[in-house]
Amino acid sequence: MLAEKGKLAEGLDTDRAVDICYALLGPEVYHLFVAERDWSPEVWESWVHQGLCSHLLAGR
């Protein structure tokens, strides 16, 4: 949807955007940070949101 609306960062194609989403949103990453590194779910959510915005969105 971001690609269709022209909102992806310059030079970022849909396939790479999907890869970034998989990397940041994968259950293994959540488990590592929340269960093993004692991040709160809220801190993880904020970190993921910031990461997705900075890597995916144009003008960030």
N, C-alpha and C. Protein backbone atom coordinates (compact mmCIF):
# COMPACT_ATOMS: atom_id res chain seq x y z
N MET A 1 0.83 -1.18 0.00
CA MET A 1 0.00 0.00 0.00
C MET A 1 0.88 1.26 0.00
N LEU A 2 1.99 1.24 0.75
CA LEU A 2 2.88 2.39 0.74
C LEU A 2 3.46 2.63 -0.64
N ALA A 3 3.84 1.56 -1.33
CA ALA A 3 4.38 1.69 -2.68
C ALA A 3 3.33 2.26 -3.63
N GLU A 4 2.11 1.77 -3.53
CA GLU A 4 1.03 2.25 -4.40
C GLU A 4 0.76 3.73 -4.21
N LYS A 5 0.94 4.21 -2.99
CA LYS A 5 0.69 5.62 -2.69
C LYS A 5 1.93 6.49 -2.88
N GLY A 6 3.04 5.87 -3.30
CA GLY A 6 4.27 6.63 -3.51
C GLY A 6 4.92 7.11 -2.23
N LYS A 7 4.73 6.37 -1.15
CA LYS A 7 5.23 6.80 0.17
C LYS A 7 6.53 6.11 0.59
N LEU A 8 7.02 5.16 -0.22
CA LEU A 8 8.26 4.48 0.15
C LEU A 8 9.45 5.42 -0.04
N ALA A 9 10.47 5.22 0.78
CA ALA A 9 11.69 6.01 0.69
C ALA A 9 12.29 5.88 -0.71
N GLU A 10 12.97 6.92 -1.13
CA GLU A 10 13.58 6.92 -2.46
C GLU A 10 14.55 5.75 -2.61
N GLY A 11 14.44 5.06 -3.72
CA GLY A 11 15.30 3.93 -4.01
C GLY A 11 14.89 2.62 -3.37
N LEU A 12 13.82 2.64 -2.60
CA LEU A 12 13.34 1.44 -1.93
C LEU A 12 12.22 0.81 -2.74
N ASP A 13 12.41 -0.45 -3.15
CA ASP A 13 11.34 -1.12 -3.89
C ASP A 13 10.50 -1.96 -2.94
N THR A 14 9.40 -2.46 -3.45
CA THR A 14 8.45 -3.21 -2.62
C THR A 14 9.09 -4.45 -2.01
N ASP A 15 9.88 -5.18 -2.78
CA ASP A 15 10.50 -6.39 -2.25
C ASP A 15 11.41 -6.08 -1.07
N ARG A 16 12.21 -5.03 -1.18
CA ARG A 16 13.10 -4.66 -0.07
C ARG A 16 12.28 -4.18 1.13
N ALA A 17 11.21 -3.46 0.90
CA ALA A 17 10.34 -3.00 1.99
C ALA A 17 9.74 -4.19 2.74
N VAL A 18 9.32 -5.20 2.01
CA VAL A 18 8.78 -6.41 2.64
C VAL A 18 9.86 -7.09 3.47
N ASP A 19 11.07 -7.17 2.94
CA ASP A 19 12.18 -7.78 3.70
C ASP A 19 12.42 -7.05 5.01
N ILE A 20 12.38 -5.73 4.98
CA ILE A 20 12.57 -4.94 6.20
C ILE A 20 11.47 -5.23 7.20
N CYS A 21 10.24 -5.33 6.72
CA CYS A 21 9.11 -5.65 7.61
C CYS A 21 9.29 -7.03 8.24
N TYR A 22 9.67 -8.01 7.42
CA TYR A 22 9.90 -9.35 7.97
C TYR A 22 10.98 -9.33 9.04
N ALA A 23 12.05 -8.60 8.80
CA ALA A 23 13.17 -8.57 9.75
C ALA A 23 12.75 -7.93 11.07
N LEU A 24 12.05 -6.82 11.01
CA LEU A 24 11.69 -6.11 12.24
C LEU A 24 10.50 -6.72 12.96
N LEU A 25 9.57 -7.31 12.22
CA LEU A 25 8.33 -7.79 12.82
C LEU A 25 8.30 -9.29 13.07
N GLY A 26 9.38 -9.97 12.78
CA GLY A 26 9.41 -11.41 12.97
C GLY A 26 9.27 -11.79 14.43
N PRO A 27 8.62 -12.92 14.70
CA PRO A 27 8.42 -13.35 16.08
C PRO A 27 9.73 -13.63 16.81
N GLU A 28 10.77 -14.00 16.06
CA GLU A 28 12.06 -14.26 16.70
C GLU A 28 12.64 -12.98 17.31
N VAL A 29 12.50 -11.87 16.61
CA VAL A 29 13.02 -10.60 17.11
C VAL A 29 12.23 -10.17 18.34
N TYR A 30 10.92 -10.29 18.27
CA TYR A 30 10.09 -9.96 19.44
C TYR A 30 10.52 -10.81 20.64
N HIS A 31 10.63 -12.10 20.44
CA HIS A 31 11.01 -13.00 21.53
C HIS A 31 12.37 -12.63 22.09
N LEU A 32 13.33 -12.36 21.22
CA LEU A 32 14.68 -12.01 21.67
C LEU A 32 14.65 -10.78 22.57
N PHE A 33 13.99 -9.72 22.12
CA PHE A 33 14.01 -8.49 22.89
C PHE A 33 13.11 -8.54 24.13
N VAL A 34 11.91 -9.08 23.98
CA VAL A 34 10.95 -9.04 25.09
C VAL A 34 11.20 -10.16 26.10
N ALA A 35 11.33 -11.38 25.63
CA ALA A 35 11.48 -12.51 26.55
C ALA A 35 12.90 -12.68 27.06
N GLU A 36 13.88 -12.47 26.18
CA GLU A 36 15.25 -12.74 26.59
C GLU A 36 16.02 -11.50 27.05
N ARG A 37 15.67 -10.34 26.53
CA ARG A 37 16.40 -9.12 26.90
C ARG A 37 15.57 -8.21 27.81
N ASP A 38 14.39 -8.66 28.20
CA ASP A 38 13.53 -7.96 29.17
C ASP A 38 13.05 -6.58 28.73
N TRP A 39 12.90 -6.38 27.41
CA TRP A 39 12.23 -5.17 26.95
C TRP A 39 10.75 -5.33 27.25
N SER A 40 10.08 -4.24 27.57
CA SER A 40 8.63 -4.31 27.70
C SER A 40 8.03 -4.36 26.29
N PRO A 41 6.83 -4.94 26.17
CA PRO A 41 6.19 -4.93 24.86
C PRO A 41 6.00 -3.51 24.31
N GLU A 42 5.77 -2.55 25.18
CA GLU A 42 5.58 -1.17 24.74
C GLU A 42 6.87 -0.57 24.18
N VAL A 43 8.00 -0.88 24.81
CA VAL A 43 9.29 -0.39 24.31
C VAL A 43 9.60 -1.03 22.97
N TRP A 44 9.35 -2.33 22.85
CA TRP A 44 9.57 -3.02 21.57
C TRP A 44 8.70 -2.40 20.48
N GLU A 45 7.43 -2.16 20.79
CA GLU A 45 6.52 -1.57 19.81
C GLU A 45 7.00 -0.21 19.34
N SER A 46 7.45 0.61 20.27
CA SER A 46 7.97 1.93 19.91
C SER A 46 9.21 1.81 19.03
N TRP A 47 10.11 0.89 19.37
CA TRP A 47 11.32 0.67 18.60
C TRP A 47 10.99 0.20 17.18
N VAL A 48 10.05 -0.73 17.06
CA VAL A 48 9.64 -1.23 15.74
C VAL A 48 9.00 -0.11 14.93
N HIS A 49 8.13 0.65 15.55
CA HIS A 49 7.47 1.75 14.84
C HIS A 49 8.51 2.73 14.31
N GLN A 50 9.44 3.12 15.16
CA GLN A 50 10.48 4.05 14.74
C GLN A 50 11.32 3.46 13.60
N GLY A 51 11.67 2.20 13.72
CA GLY A 51 12.46 1.55 12.69
C GLY A 51 11.74 1.45 11.36
N LEU A 52 10.48 1.06 11.41
CA LEU A 52 9.70 0.96 10.17
C LEU A 52 9.56 2.33 9.51
N CYS A 53 9.26 3.33 10.29
CA CYS A 53 9.12 4.68 9.72
C CYS A 53 10.42 5.15 9.12
N SER A 54 11.52 4.98 9.82
CA SER A 54 12.79 5.51 9.32
C SER A 54 13.31 4.76 8.11
N HIS A 55 13.01 3.46 7.99
CA HIS A 55 13.51 2.68 6.88
C HIS A 55 12.59 2.67 5.67
N LEU A 56 11.29 2.85 5.90
CA LEU A 56 10.34 2.68 4.81
C LEU A 56 9.80 3.96 4.21
N LEU A 57 9.61 4.98 5.01
CA LEU A 57 8.85 6.13 4.55
C LEU A 57 9.71 7.21 3.90
N ALA A 58 9.18 7.77 2.83
CA ALA A 58 9.82 8.90 2.16
C ALA A 58 9.77 10.12 3.08
N GLY A 59 10.80 10.92 3.01
CA GLY A 59 10.80 12.17 3.78
C GLY A 59 11.11 12.01 5.25
N ARG A 60 11.69 10.88 5.63
CA ARG A 60 12.02 10.67 7.05
C ARG A 60 13.50 10.69 7.25
